[in-house]
PDB file of all heavy atoms in Angstrom:
ATOM      1  N   LYS A   1       0.852  -1.188  -0.006  1.00  0.00           N
ATOM      2  CA  LYS A   1      -0.014  -0.001   0.014  1.00  0.00           C
ATOM      3  C   LYS A   1       0.886   1.242   0.010  1.00  0.00           C
ATOM      4  O   LYS A   1       2.093   1.152   0.114  1.00  0.00           O
ATOM      5  CB  LYS A   1      -0.920  -0.015   1.232  1.00  0.00           C
ATOM      6  CG  LYS A   1      -1.927  -1.139   1.253  1.00  0.00           C
ATOM      7  CD  LYS A   1      -2.783  -1.060   2.504  1.00  0.00           C
ATOM      8  CE  LYS A   1      -3.795  -2.234   2.541  1.00  0.00           C
ATOM      9  NZ  LYS A   1      -4.594  -2.152   3.820  1.00  0.00           N
ATOM     10  N   SER A   2       0.221   2.402  -0.167  1.00  0.00           N
ATOM     11  CA  SER A   2       0.961   3.679  -0.119  1.00  0.00           C
ATOM     12  C   SER A   2       0.876   4.277   1.260  1.00  0.00           C
ATOM     13  O   SER A   2      -0.077   4.088   2.011  1.00  0.00           O
ATOM     14  CB  SER A   2       0.307   4.707  -1.057  1.00  0.00           C
ATOM     15  OG  SER A   2      -1.087   4.863  -0.750  1.00  0.00           O
ATOM     16  N   LEU A   3       1.986   4.944   1.673  1.00  0.00           N
ATOM     17  CA  LEU A   3       2.131   5.491   2.995  1.00  0.00           C
ATOM     18  C   LEU A   3       2.545   6.951   2.947  1.00  0.00           C
ATOM     19  O   LEU A   3       3.405   7.362   2.161  1.00  0.00           O
ATOM     20  CB  LEU A   3       3.164   4.712   3.824  1.00  0.00           C
ATOM     21  CG  LEU A   3       3.624   5.382   5.169  1.00  0.00           C
ATOM     22  CD1 LEU A   3       2.500   5.271   6.167  1.00  0.00           C
ATOM     23  CD2 LEU A   3       4.874   4.705   5.733  1.00  0.00           C
ATOM     24  N   LEU A   4       1.906   7.768   3.787  1.00  0.00           N
ATOM     25  CA  LEU A   4       2.279   9.146   4.021  1.00  0.00           C
ATOM     26  C   LEU A   4       2.766   9.236   5.490  1.00  0.00           C
ATOM     27  O   LEU A   4       1.994   8.949   6.425  1.00  0.00           O
ATOM     28  CB  LEU A   4       1.123  10.133   3.784  1.00  0.00           C
ATOM     29  CG  LEU A   4       1.326  11.568   4.232  1.00  0.00           C
ATOM     30  CD1 LEU A   4       2.462  12.263   3.463  1.00  0.00           C
ATOM     31  CD2 LEU A   4       0.074  12.419   4.071  1.00  0.00           C
ATOM     32  N   ASN A   5       3.988   9.683   5.704  1.00  0.00           N
ATOM     33  CA  ASN A   5       4.589   9.828   7.003  1.00  0.00           C
ATOM     34  C   ASN A   5       4.847  11.287   7.308  1.00  0.00           C
ATOM     35  O   ASN A   5       5.657  11.915   6.700  1.00  0.00           O
ATOM     36  CB  ASN A   5       5.906   9.048   7.114  1.00  0.00           C
ATOM     37  CG  ASN A   5       6.533   9.071   8.469  1.00  0.00           C
ATOM     38  OD1 ASN A   5       5.937   9.583   9.416  1.00  0.00           O
ATOM     39  ND2 ASN A   5       7.763   8.561   8.578  1.00  0.00           N
ATOM     40  N   LEU A   6       3.989  11.886   8.184  1.00  0.00           N
ATOM     41  CA  LEU A   6       4.108  13.344   8.478  1.00  0.00           C
ATOM     42  C   LEU A   6       4.859  13.530   9.819  1.00  0.00           C
ATOM     43  O   LEU A   6       4.701  12.726  10.779  1.00  0.00           O
ATOM     44  CB  LEU A   6       2.725  13.907   8.599  1.00  0.00           C
ATOM     45  CG  LEU A   6       1.938  13.954   7.256  1.00  0.00           C
ATOM     46  CD1 LEU A   6       0.462  14.206   7.537  1.00  0.00           C
ATOM     47  CD2 LEU A   6       2.542  15.010   6.371  1.00  0.00           C
ATOM     48  N   PHE A   7       5.577  14.668   9.934  1.00  0.00           N
ATOM     49  CA  PHE A   7       6.437  14.899  11.090  1.00  0.00           C
ATOM     50  C   PHE A   7       7.384  13.709  11.238  1.00  0.00           C
ATOM     51  O   PHE A   7       7.489  13.101  12.318  1.00  0.00           O
ATOM     52  CB  PHE A   7       5.633  15.124  12.354  1.00  0.00           C
ATOM     53  CG  PHE A   7       4.600  16.192  12.285  1.00  0.00           C
ATOM     54  CD1 PHE A   7       3.258  15.881  11.989  1.00  0.00           C
ATOM     55  CD2 PHE A   7       4.944  17.522  12.453  1.00  0.00           C
ATOM     56  CE1 PHE A   7       2.310  16.875  11.902  1.00  0.00           C
ATOM     57  CE2 PHE A   7       3.933  18.531  12.296  1.00  0.00           C
ATOM     58  CZ  PHE A   7       2.586  18.191  12.103  1.00  0.00           C
ATOM     59  N   ALA A   8       8.064  13.414  10.135  1.00  0.00           N
ATOM     60  CA  ALA A   8       8.721  12.112  10.024  1.00  0.00           C
ATOM     61  C   ALA A   8       9.999  11.971  10.786  1.00  0.00           C
ATOM     62  O   ALA A   8      10.526  10.859  10.916  1.00  0.00           O
ATOM     63  CB  ALA A   8       8.930  11.798   8.550  1.00  0.00           C
ATOM     64  N   TYR A   9      10.622  13.068  11.245  1.00  0.00           N
ATOM     65  CA  TYR A   9      11.853  13.067  11.943  1.00  0.00           C
ATOM     66  C   TYR A   9      12.918  12.396  11.072  1.00  0.00           C
ATOM     67  O   TYR A   9      13.124  12.817   9.950  1.00  0.00           O
ATOM     68  CB  TYR A   9      11.668  12.332  13.308  1.00  0.00           C
ATOM     69  CG  TYR A   9      12.862  12.356  14.276  1.00  0.00           C
ATOM     70  CD1 TYR A   9      13.670  13.517  14.364  1.00  0.00           C
ATOM     71  CD2 TYR A   9      13.080  11.297  15.137  1.00  0.00           C
ATOM     72  CE1 TYR A   9      14.741  13.506  15.235  1.00  0.00           C
ATOM     73  CE2 TYR A   9      14.070  11.334  16.044  1.00  0.00           C
ATOM     74  CZ  TYR A   9      14.941  12.436  16.125  1.00  0.00           C
ATOM     75  OH  TYR A   9      16.019  12.477  17.028  1.00  0.00           O
ATOM     76  N   THR A  10      13.610  11.266  11.497  1.00  0.00           N
ATOM     77  CA  THR A  10      14.637  10.677  10.660  1.00  0.00           C
ATOM     78  C   THR A  10      14.114   9.472   9.804  1.00  0.00           C
ATOM     79  O   THR A  10      14.875   8.730   9.298  1.00  0.00           O
ATOM     80  CB  THR A  10      15.777  10.185  11.568  1.00  0.00           C
ATOM     81  OG1 THR A  10      15.255   9.245  12.486  1.00  0.00           O
ATOM     82  CG2 THR A  10      16.428  11.299  12.362  1.00  0.00           C
ATOM     83  N   GLY A  11      12.813   9.437   9.651  1.00  0.00           N
ATOM     84  CA  GLY A  11      12.217   8.481   8.683  1.00  0.00           C
ATOM     85  C   GLY A  11      12.226   7.022   9.043  1.00  0.00           C
ATOM     86  O   GLY A  11      12.104   6.178   8.151  1.00  0.00           O
ATOM     87  N   SER A  12      12.295   6.652  10.321  1.00  0.00           N
ATOM     88  CA  SER A  12      12.380   5.279  10.722  1.00  0.00           C
ATOM     89  C   SER A  12      11.120   4.521  10.444  1.00  0.00           C
ATOM     90  O   SER A  12      11.074   3.367  10.009  1.00  0.00           O
ATOM     91  CB  SER A  12      12.706   5.142  12.259  1.00  0.00           C
ATOM     92  OG  SER A  12      11.822   5.854  13.018  1.00  0.00           O
ATOM     93  N   VAL A  13       9.901   5.219  10.525  1.00  0.00           N
ATOM     94  CA  VAL A  13       8.610   4.604  10.198  1.00  0.00           C
ATOM     95  C   VAL A  13       8.607   4.296   8.669  1.00  0.00           C
ATOM     96  O   VAL A  13       8.167   3.248   8.254  1.00  0.00           O
ATOM     97  CB  VAL A  13       7.414   5.498  10.632  1.00  0.00           C
ATOM     98  CG1 VAL A  13       6.136   5.005  10.012  1.00  0.00           C
ATOM     99  CG2 VAL A  13       7.369   5.476  12.147  1.00  0.00           C
ATOM    100  N   SER A  14       9.024   5.338   7.909  1.00  0.00           N
ATOM    101  CA  SER A  14       9.093   5.126   6.431  1.00  0.00           C
ATOM    102  C   SER A  14       9.974   3.964   6.063  1.00  0.00           C
ATOM    103  O   SER A  14       9.657   3.159   5.156  1.00  0.00           O
ATOM    104  CB  SER A  14       9.569   6.376   5.768  1.00  0.00           C
ATOM    105  OG  SER A  14       8.680   7.468   5.987  1.00  0.00           O
ATOM    106  N   LEU A  15      11.096   3.867   6.712  1.00  0.00           N
ATOM    107  CA  LEU A  15      12.070   2.799   6.443  1.00  0.00           C
ATOM    108  C   LEU A  15      11.493   1.422   6.669  1.00  0.00           C
ATOM    109  O   LEU A  15      11.610   0.555   5.851  1.00  0.00           O
ATOM    110  CB  LEU A  15      13.337   3.022   7.327  1.00  0.00           C
ATOM    111  CG  LEU A  15      14.444   1.927   7.095  1.00  0.00           C
ATOM    112  CD1 LEU A  15      14.978   1.933   5.660  1.00  0.00           C
ATOM    113  CD2 LEU A  15      15.590   2.206   8.076  1.00  0.00           C
ATOM    114  N   GLN A  16      10.898   1.231   7.850  1.00  0.00           N
ATOM    115  CA  GLN A  16      10.277  -0.063   8.142  1.00  0.00           C
ATOM    116  C   GLN A  16       9.173  -0.413   7.172  1.00  0.00           C
ATOM    117  O   GLN A  16       9.028  -1.591   6.665  1.00  0.00           O
ATOM    118  CB  GLN A  16       9.755  -0.098   9.562  1.00  0.00           C
ATOM    119  CG  GLN A  16      10.798  -0.122  10.661  1.00  0.00           C
ATOM    120  CD  GLN A  16      11.487  -1.431  10.735  1.00  0.00           C
ATOM    121  OE1 GLN A  16      11.277  -2.359  10.004  1.00  0.00           O
ATOM    122  NE2 GLN A  16      12.454  -1.533  11.732  1.00  0.00           N
ATOM    123  N   ALA A  17       8.376   0.613   6.737  1.00  0.00           N
ATOM    124  CA  ALA A  17       7.365   0.377   5.716  1.00  0.00           C
ATOM    125  C   ALA A  17       7.967  -0.051   4.370  1.00  0.00           C
ATOM    126  O   ALA A  17       7.450  -0.949   3.681  1.00  0.00           O
ATOM    127  CB  ALA A  17       6.479   1.627   5.560  1.00  0.00           C
ATOM    128  N   ALA A  18       9.045   0.595   4.005  1.00  0.00           N
ATOM    129  CA  ALA A  18       9.678   0.260   2.781  1.00  0.00           C
ATOM    130  C   ALA A  18      10.221  -1.235   2.733  1.00  0.00           C
ATOM    131  O   ALA A  18      10.068  -1.977   1.847  1.00  0.00           O
ATOM    132  CB  ALA A  18      10.865   1.200   2.496  1.00  0.00           C
ATOM    133  N   LEU A  19      10.784  -1.591   3.884  1.00  0.00           N
ATOM    134  CA  LEU A  19      11.327  -2.944   4.030  1.00  0.00           C
ATOM    135  C   LEU A  19      10.188  -3.988   4.084  1.00  0.00           C
ATOM    136  O   LEU A  19      10.398  -5.142   3.668  1.00  0.00           O
ATOM    137  CB  LEU A  19      12.138  -3.074   5.254  1.00  0.00           C
ATOM    138  CG  LEU A  19      13.498  -2.310   5.282  1.00  0.00           C
ATOM    139  CD1 LEU A  19      14.171  -2.376   6.627  1.00  0.00           C
ATOM    140  CD2 LEU A  19      14.437  -2.829   4.166  1.00  0.00           C
ATOM    141  N   HIS A  20       8.950  -3.621   4.446  1.00  0.00           N
ATOM    142  CA  HIS A  20       7.869  -4.492   4.465  1.00  0.00           C
ATOM    143  C   HIS A  20       7.065  -4.473   3.140  1.00  0.00           C
ATOM    144  O   HIS A  20       6.019  -5.169   3.009  1.00  0.00           O
ATOM    145  CB  HIS A  20       6.850  -4.085   5.585  1.00  0.00           C
ATOM    146  CG  HIS A  20       7.248  -4.608   6.968  1.00  0.00           C
ATOM    147  ND1 HIS A  20       8.293  -4.187   7.606  1.00  0.00           N
ATOM    148  CD2 HIS A  20       6.692  -5.687   7.682  1.00  0.00           C
ATOM    149  CE1 HIS A  20       8.435  -4.840   8.804  1.00  0.00           C
ATOM    150  NE2 HIS A  20       7.492  -5.755   8.835  1.00  0.00           N
ATOM    151  N   GLY A  21       7.521  -3.716   2.134  1.00  0.00           N
ATOM    152  CA  GLY A  21       6.935  -3.801   0.828  1.00  0.00           C
ATOM    153  C   GLY A  21       5.881  -2.743   0.476  1.00  0.00           C
ATOM    154  O   GLY A  21       5.024  -3.033  -0.331  1.00  0.00           O
ATOM    155  N   ALA A  22       5.897  -1.563   1.150  1.00  0.00           N
ATOM    156  CA  ALA A  22       5.033  -0.530   0.693  1.00  0.00           C
ATOM    157  C   ALA A  22       5.258  -0.087  -0.691  1.00  0.00           C
ATOM    158  O   ALA A  22       6.432  -0.107  -1.146  1.00  0.00           O
ATOM    159  CB  ALA A  22       5.178   0.709   1.637  1.00  0.00           C
ATOM    160  N   THR A  23       4.153   0.165  -1.439  1.00  0.00           N
ATOM    161  CA  THR A  23       4.318   0.440  -2.844  1.00  0.00           C
ATOM    162  C   THR A  23       4.883   1.878  -3.088  1.00  0.00           C
ATOM    163  O   THR A  23       5.577   2.058  -4.120  1.00  0.00           O
ATOM    164  CB  THR A  23       2.980   0.369  -3.561  1.00  0.00           C
ATOM    165  OG1 THR A  23       2.024   1.222  -2.905  1.00  0.00           O
ATOM    166  CG2 THR A  23       2.460  -1.159  -3.569  1.00  0.00           C
ATOM    167  N   SER A  24       4.558   2.798  -2.279  1.00  0.00           N
ATOM    168  CA  SER A  24       5.080   4.186  -2.381  1.00  0.00           C
ATOM    169  C   SER A  24       5.032   4.822  -0.956  1.00  0.00           C
ATOM    170  O   SER A  24       4.146   4.508  -0.168  1.00  0.00           O
ATOM    171  CB  SER A  24       4.273   5.010  -3.370  1.00  0.00           C
ATOM    172  OG  SER A  24       2.981   5.265  -2.854  1.00  0.00           O
ATOM    173  N   ILE A  25       6.004   5.648  -0.718  1.00  0.00           N
ATOM    174  CA  ILE A  25       6.131   6.342   0.591  1.00  0.00           C
ATOM    175  C   ILE A  25       6.519   7.781   0.371  1.00  0.00           C
ATOM    176  O   ILE A  25       7.487   8.090  -0.284  1.00  0.00           O
ATOM    177  CB  ILE A  25       7.205   5.644   1.443  1.00  0.00           C
ATOM    178  CG1 ILE A  25       6.948   4.118   1.644  1.00  0.00           C
ATOM    179  CG2 ILE A  25       7.327   6.338   2.776  1.00  0.00           C
ATOM    180  CD1 ILE A  25       8.030   3.364   2.318  1.00  0.00           C
ATOM    181  N   THR A  26       5.778   8.616   1.009  1.00  0.00           N
ATOM    182  CA  THR A  26       6.028  10.084   1.007  1.00  0.00           C
ATOM    183  C   THR A  26       6.423  10.495   2.505  1.00  0.00           C
ATOM    184  O   THR A  26       5.551  10.301   3.357  1.00  0.00           O
ATOM    185  CB  THR A  26       4.890  10.949   0.549  1.00  0.00           C
ATOM    186  OG1 THR A  26       4.535  10.460  -0.841  1.00  0.00           O
ATOM    187  CG2 THR A  26       5.227  12.371   0.515  1.00  0.00           C
ATOM    188  N   THR A  27       7.609  10.997   2.634  1.00  0.00           N
ATOM    189  CA  THR A  27       8.087  11.358   3.979  1.00  0.00           C
ATOM    190  C   THR A  27       8.285  12.870   4.045  1.00  0.00           C
ATOM    191  O   THR A  27       8.979  13.494   3.255  1.00  0.00           O
ATOM    192  CB  THR A  27       9.451  10.653   4.174  1.00  0.00           C
ATOM    193  OG1 THR A  27       9.355   9.292   3.995  1.00  0.00           O
ATOM    194  CG2 THR A  27      10.051  11.007   5.515  1.00  0.00           C
ATOM    195  N   VAL A  28       7.524  13.463   5.046  1.00  0.00           N
ATOM    196  CA  VAL A  28       7.479  14.936   5.119  1.00  0.00           C
ATOM    197  C   VAL A  28       7.987  15.372   6.531  1.00  0.00           C
ATOM    198  O   VAL A  28       7.512  14.840   7.510  1.00  0.00           O
ATOM    199  CB  VAL A  28       6.051  15.459   4.897  1.00  0.00           C
ATOM    200  CG1 VAL A  28       6.073  17.032   4.797  1.00  0.00           C
ATOM    201  CG2 VAL A  28       5.493  14.904   3.633  1.00  0.00           C
ATOM    202  N   ASP A  29       8.970  16.302   6.507  1.00  0.00           N
ATOM    203  CA  ASP A  29       9.380  16.959   7.762  1.00  0.00           C
ATOM    204  C   ASP A  29       9.903  18.309   7.453  1.00  0.00           C
ATOM    205  O   ASP A  29      10.304  18.644   6.364  1.00  0.00           O
ATOM    206  CB  ASP A  29      10.531  16.121   8.404  1.00  0.00           C
ATOM    207  CG  ASP A  29      10.726  16.441   9.874  1.00  0.00           C
ATOM    208  OD1 ASP A  29      11.517  17.443  10.108  1.00  0.00           O
ATOM    209  OD2 ASP A  29      10.085  15.825  10.695  1.00  0.00           O
ATOM    210  N   MET A  30       9.844  19.195   8.429  1.00  0.00           N
ATOM    211  CA  MET A  30      10.224  20.599   8.251  1.00  0.00           C
ATOM    212  C   MET A  30      11.783  20.750   8.184  1.00  0.00           C
ATOM    213  O   MET A  30      12.315  21.699   7.686  1.00  0.00           O
ATOM    214  CB  MET A  30       9.680  21.432   9.376  1.00  0.00           C
ATOM    215  CG  MET A  30       9.793  22.936   9.175  1.00  0.00           C
ATOM    216  SD  MET A  30       8.668  23.821  10.231  1.00  0.00           S
ATOM    217  CE  MET A  30       9.001  23.137  11.817  1.00  0.00           C
TER     218      MET A  30
END
């Protein structure tokens, strides 16, 4: 599935999702 990670800090949530096979990931942080 697709994932949006907001206030992502260093992207650890995005990384785990990528390793679990997410189809697309958008990582947003200031």
